[in-house]
Every structure is written in C-alpha cells, then in structure tokens.
Amino acid sequence: MNSLPKIITVGFLAGLLVLIRVFENELFYDPYLLFFQDDYLRMDYPKREVFKLTAFTTLRYILNSVISLGIIYVVFKDKSMIKFAGILYVIAYVVLLILFLYYVLNPKQEDYLIFFYIRRFLIQPIFLLLFLPAFYYFKKT
C-alpha cells in the first residue's frame, strides 16, 4: 500500500476515535464525565448503575481497541504485532477493569485521582499512543 491510501486510512480511523470522544455523552453512560470535569473534591460522589457503567465502559474500550488495532495494522502491516497488541489490550482490560470496579464500589476521596487515571486508560485510546512508538522502535531495531 503506498503512502497516500495509508495516510487516508489512518486519518479515517483516527477520525473514528475522535468521534467516539466528541459524542461520548450521547453514546455512553458515564456519570463520571461531569464528576471529573467539575471540582470533584468538593462534589458528592455520583449515583451510578454499576452494571450499566461497566457495560458501557467495556463497549468504549472495545471500540477504541479495535480501531487502535486497525491503525497499528495499517501502519506496520504485521499480524504478529496485532496479536501481541491484542493480548496486551486484553490483559490491560482485565487488570484495569478489576481496579476500576474496586474504586467504583469503594469510593474514597483520597482515591479519586488514581480512579480518574484508571478510568482514563479504559475510555481513551492511550495504549495506542504507547504502542505506536514502541512498535516503531521495535521495527527499527
């Protein structure tokens, strides 16, 4: 694949990630969106439906992960990297979801910051930002 179609495809996939972020309020149930936008240290902890929150967080993680794997595939054209990244995404999901549920079910004000970052890894394509340079470096060496 020459570079122009590759750039267009990566741009399209990145645009999908942006759309997920732009329409997060309409697409996903997440009472923490407003909570963490405001002064959460002075606010009451939001009421939440744990199953619904977990389901929508999982959906968002899956969407971001699949699109991110698509970007990695388009950039590197290496199925072994996709398999490795996929395994890392699954492991990260299991670990992060366990921590996420712990903090959802046991909210303490002193844990809000760590909970914020755990949640961020689940709902944003941060792993893509980590994997692209790592795989690029791996390919170069």
C-alpha atoms as a PDB file:
ATOM      1  CA  MET A   1       0.000   0.000   0.000  1.00  0.00           C
ATOM      2  CA  ASN A   2       1.550   3.305  -0.989  1.00  0.00           C
ATOM      3  CA  SER A   3       1.608   6.176   1.459  1.00  0.00           C
ATOM      4  CA  LEU A   4      -1.449   8.201   0.373  1.00  0.00           C
ATOM      5  CA  PRO A   5      -4.039   5.429   0.954  1.00  0.00           C
ATOM      6  CA  LYS A   6      -2.225   4.537   4.181  1.00  0.00           C
ATOM      7  CA  ILE A   7      -2.441   8.145   5.398  1.00  0.00           C
ATOM      8  CA  ILE A   8      -6.111   8.384   4.410  1.00  0.00           C
ATOM      9  CA  THR A   9      -6.932   5.116   6.195  1.00  0.00           C
ATOM     10  CA  VAL A  10      -5.079   6.106   9.365  1.00  0.00           C
ATOM     11  CA  GLY A  11      -6.766   9.521   9.214  1.00  0.00           C
ATOM     12  CA  PHE A  12     -10.182   7.890   8.862  1.00  0.00           C
ATOM     13  CA  LEU A  13      -9.551   5.557  11.798  1.00  0.00           C
ATOM     14  CA  ALA A  14      -8.189   8.416  13.909  1.00  0.00           C
ATOM     15  CA  GLY A  15     -11.332  10.355  12.976  1.00  0.00           C
ATOM     16  CA  LEU A  16     -13.426   7.496  14.369  1.00  0.00           C
ATOM     17  CA  LEU A  17     -11.524   7.767  17.647  1.00  0.00           C
ATOM     18  CA  VAL A  18     -12.216  11.497  17.681  1.00  0.00           C
ATOM     19  CA  LEU A  19     -15.930  10.905  17.015  1.00  0.00           C
ATOM     20  CA  ILE A  20     -16.116   8.494  19.946  1.00  0.00           C
ATOM     21  CA  ARG A  21     -14.650  11.212  22.140  1.00  0.00           C
ATOM     22  CA  VAL A  22     -16.812  14.019  20.733  1.00  0.00           C
ATOM     23  CA  PHE A  23     -20.063  12.084  21.128  1.00  0.00           C
ATOM     24  CA  GLU A  24     -19.195  10.346  24.404  1.00  0.00           C
ATOM     25  CA  ASN A  25     -22.110  11.986  26.250  1.00  0.00           C
ATOM     26  CA  GLU A  26     -24.622  10.736  23.696  1.00  0.00           C
ATOM     27  CA  LEU A  27     -23.134   7.279  23.111  1.00  0.00           C
ATOM     28  CA  PHE A  28     -22.118   6.103  26.566  1.00  0.00           C
ATOM     29  CA  TYR A  29     -23.497   6.043  30.089  1.00  0.00           C
ATOM     30  CA  ASP A  30     -20.816   7.564  32.315  1.00  0.00           C
ATOM     31  CA  PRO A  31     -21.793   9.625  35.371  1.00  0.00           C
ATOM     32  CA  TYR A  32     -18.111  10.331  35.965  1.00  0.00           C
ATOM     33  CA  LEU A  33     -17.809  12.572  32.894  1.00  0.00           C
ATOM     34  CA  LEU A  34     -19.374  15.523  34.716  1.00  0.00           C
ATOM     35  CA  PHE A  35     -17.945  14.497  38.056  1.00  0.00           C
ATOM     36  CA  PHE A  36     -14.343  14.769  36.877  1.00  0.00           C
ATOM     37  CA  GLN A  37     -14.987  17.881  34.765  1.00  0.00           C
ATOM     38  CA  ASP A  38     -16.025  19.832  37.844  1.00  0.00           C
ATOM     39  CA  ASP A  39     -14.347  20.244  41.205  1.00  0.00           C
ATOM     40  CA  TYR A  40     -14.795  16.599  42.164  1.00  0.00           C
ATOM     41  CA  LEU A  41     -13.071  17.022  45.546  1.00  0.00           C
ATOM     42  CA  ARG A  42     -15.971  19.201  46.689  1.00  0.00           C
ATOM     43  CA  MET A  43     -18.808  17.317  44.976  1.00  0.00           C
ATOM     44  CA  ASP A  44     -20.875  14.382  46.117  1.00  0.00           C
ATOM     45  CA  TYR A  45     -19.913  11.071  44.573  1.00  0.00           C
ATOM     46  CA  PRO A  46     -22.254  10.473  41.618  1.00  0.00           C
ATOM     47  CA  LYS A  47     -25.013   7.907  41.746  1.00  0.00           C
ATOM     48  CA  ARG A  48     -24.302   5.138  39.284  1.00  0.00           C
ATOM     49  CA  GLU A  49     -25.618   1.876  37.948  1.00  0.00           C
ATOM     50  CA  VAL A  50     -22.593  -0.413  38.230  1.00  0.00           C
ATOM     51  CA  PHE A  51     -23.639  -2.965  35.603  1.00  0.00           C
ATOM     52  CA  LYS A  52     -24.609  -0.313  33.069  1.00  0.00           C
ATOM     53  CA  LEU A  53     -21.425   1.659  33.770  1.00  0.00           C
ATOM     54  CA  THR A  54     -19.288  -1.473  33.358  1.00  0.00           C
ATOM     55  CA  ALA A  55     -21.069  -2.449  30.137  1.00  0.00           C
ATOM     56  CA  PHE A  56     -20.640   0.976  28.536  1.00  0.00           C
ATOM     57  CA  THR A  57     -17.034   1.287  29.712  1.00  0.00           C
ATOM     58  CA  THR A  58     -16.345  -2.128  28.195  1.00  0.00           C
ATOM     59  CA  LEU A  59     -18.045  -1.148  24.946  1.00  0.00           C
ATOM     60  CA  ARG A  60     -15.989   2.008  24.726  1.00  0.00           C
ATOM     61  CA  TYR A  61     -12.771   0.120  25.493  1.00  0.00           C
ATOM     62  CA  ILE A  62     -13.559  -2.450  22.791  1.00  0.00           C
ATOM     63  CA  LEU A  63     -14.348   0.226  20.193  1.00  0.00           C
ATOM     64  CA  ASN A  64     -11.160   2.141  20.971  1.00  0.00           C
ATOM     65  CA  SER A  65      -9.109  -1.067  20.997  1.00  0.00           C
ATOM     66  CA  VAL A  66     -10.418  -2.372  17.669  1.00  0.00           C
ATOM     67  CA  ILE A  67      -9.853   0.972  15.961  1.00  0.00           C
ATOM     68  CA  SER A  68      -6.401   1.241  17.542  1.00  0.00           C
ATOM     69  CA  LEU A  69      -5.501  -2.259  16.348  1.00  0.00           C
ATOM     70  CA  GLY A  70      -6.658  -1.198  12.885  1.00  0.00           C
ATOM     71  CA  ILE A  71      -4.319   1.790  12.995  1.00  0.00           C
ATOM     72  CA  ILE A  72      -1.423  -0.389  14.135  1.00  0.00           C
ATOM     73  CA  TYR A  73      -2.135  -2.852  11.322  1.00  0.00           C
ATOM     74  CA  VAL A  74      -2.316  -0.135   8.661  1.00  0.00           C
ATOM     75  CA  VAL A  75       0.924   1.443   9.872  1.00  0.00           C
ATOM     76  CA  PHE A  76       3.009  -1.730  10.295  1.00  0.00           C
ATOM     77  CA  LYS A  77       1.270  -4.481   8.229  1.00  0.00           C
ATOM     78  CA  ASP A  78       2.461  -7.086  10.724  1.00  0.00           C
ATOM     79  CA  LYS A  79      -0.033  -9.635  12.044  1.00  0.00           C
ATOM     80  CA  SER A  80       2.296 -10.714  14.856  1.00  0.00           C
ATOM     81  CA  MET A  81       2.237  -7.139  16.194  1.00  0.00           C
ATOM     82  CA  ILE A  82      -1.557  -7.167  16.070  1.00  0.00           C
ATOM     83  CA  LYS A  83      -1.666 -10.438  18.004  1.00  0.00           C
ATOM     84  CA  PHE A  84       0.786  -9.127  20.581  1.00  0.00           C
ATOM     85  CA  ALA A  85      -1.048  -5.802  20.921  1.00  0.00           C
ATOM     86  CA  GLY A  86      -4.370  -7.654  21.164  1.00  0.00           C
ATOM     87  CA  ILE A  87      -3.037  -9.781  24.024  1.00  0.00           C
ATOM     88  CA  LEU A  88      -1.766  -6.641  25.761  1.00  0.00           C
ATOM     89  CA  TYR A  89      -5.173  -4.977  25.312  1.00  0.00           C
ATOM     90  CA  VAL A  90      -6.936  -7.981  26.877  1.00  0.00           C
ATOM     91  CA  ILE A  91      -4.527  -8.171  29.824  1.00  0.00           C
ATOM     92  CA  ALA A  92      -4.771  -4.420  30.383  1.00  0.00           C
ATOM     93  CA  TYR A  93      -8.567  -4.600  30.218  1.00  0.00           C
ATOM     94  CA  VAL A  94      -8.798  -7.318  32.855  1.00  0.00           C
ATOM     95  CA  VAL A  95      -6.393  -5.596  35.248  1.00  0.00           C
ATOM     96  CA  LEU A  96      -7.855  -2.118  34.741  1.00  0.00           C
ATOM     97  CA  LEU A  97     -11.454  -3.295  34.992  1.00  0.00           C
ATOM     98  CA  ILE A  98     -10.788  -5.036  38.299  1.00  0.00           C
ATOM     99  CA  LEU A  99      -9.221  -1.844  39.655  1.00  0.00           C
ATOM    100  CA  PHE A 100     -11.998   0.266  38.125  1.00  0.00           C
ATOM    101  CA  LEU A 101     -14.705  -1.810  39.800  1.00  0.00           C
ATOM    102  CA  TYR A 102     -12.883  -1.692  43.119  1.00  0.00           C
ATOM    103  CA  TYR A 103     -12.862   2.114  43.051  1.00  0.00           C
ATOM    104  CA  VAL A 104     -16.457   2.320  41.806  1.00  0.00           C
ATOM    105  CA  LEU A 105     -17.673   0.086  44.607  1.00  0.00           C
ATOM    106  CA  ASN A 106     -15.387   1.527  47.316  1.00  0.00           C
ATOM    107  CA  PRO A 107     -15.205   5.261  46.689  1.00  0.00           C
ATOM    108  CA  LYS A 108     -12.847   7.239  48.902  1.00  0.00           C
ATOM    109  CA  GLN A 109     -11.963  10.832  48.280  1.00  0.00           C
ATOM    110  CA  GLU A 110      -8.251  10.142  48.602  1.00  0.00           C
ATOM    111  CA  ASP A 111      -8.512   7.590  45.762  1.00  0.00           C
ATOM    112  CA  TYR A 112     -10.270   9.853  43.241  1.00  0.00           C
ATOM    113  CA  LEU A 113      -7.086  10.742  41.366  1.00  0.00           C
ATOM    114  CA  ILE A 114      -5.942   7.140  40.837  1.00  0.00           C
ATOM    115  CA  PHE A 115      -9.502   6.216  39.878  1.00  0.00           C
ATOM    116  CA  PHE A 116      -9.525   9.087  37.369  1.00  0.00           C
ATOM    117  CA  TYR A 117      -6.406   7.734  35.645  1.00  0.00           C
ATOM    118  CA  ILE A 118      -7.545   4.109  35.662  1.00  0.00           C
ATOM    119  CA  ARG A 119     -10.835   5.212  34.102  1.00  0.00           C
ATOM    120  CA  ARG A 120      -8.953   7.309  31.558  1.00  0.00           C
ATOM    121  CA  PHE A 121      -6.965   4.263  30.370  1.00  0.00           C
ATOM    122  CA  LEU A 122     -10.243   2.402  29.894  1.00  0.00           C
ATOM    123  CA  ILE A 123     -12.129   5.099  27.996  1.00  0.00           C
ATOM    124  CA  GLN A 124      -9.358   6.764  25.957  1.00  0.00           C
ATOM    125  CA  PRO A 125      -7.049   5.194  23.329  1.00  0.00           C
ATOM    126  CA  ILE A 126      -3.946   5.871  25.434  1.00  0.00           C
ATOM    127  CA  PHE A 127      -2.440   2.470  24.679  1.00  0.00           C
ATOM    128  CA  LEU A 128      -2.294   3.426  21.002  1.00  0.00           C
ATOM    129  CA  LEU A 129      -0.067   6.363  21.942  1.00  0.00           C
ATOM    130  CA  LEU A 130       2.192   3.938  23.801  1.00  0.00           C
ATOM    131  CA  PHE A 131       2.196   1.115  21.259  1.00  0.00           C
ATOM    132  CA  LEU A 132       2.878   3.101  18.078  1.00  0.00           C
ATOM    133  CA  PRO A 133       6.291   4.422  19.155  1.00  0.00           C
ATOM    134  CA  ALA A 134       7.171   1.135  20.866  1.00  0.00           C
ATOM    135  CA  PHE A 135       6.392  -0.911  17.751  1.00  0.00           C
ATOM    136  CA  TYR A 136       8.148   1.630  15.542  1.00  0.00           C
ATOM    137  CA  TYR A 137      11.276   1.314  17.693  1.00  0.00           C
ATOM    138  CA  PHE A 138      10.956  -2.495  17.614  1.00  0.00           C
ATOM    139  CA  LYS A 139      10.709  -2.455  13.806  1.00  0.00           C
ATOM    140  CA  LYS A 140      13.758  -0.193  13.530  1.00  0.00           C
ATOM    141  CA  THR A 141      15.970  -2.454  15.631  1.00  0.00           C
END
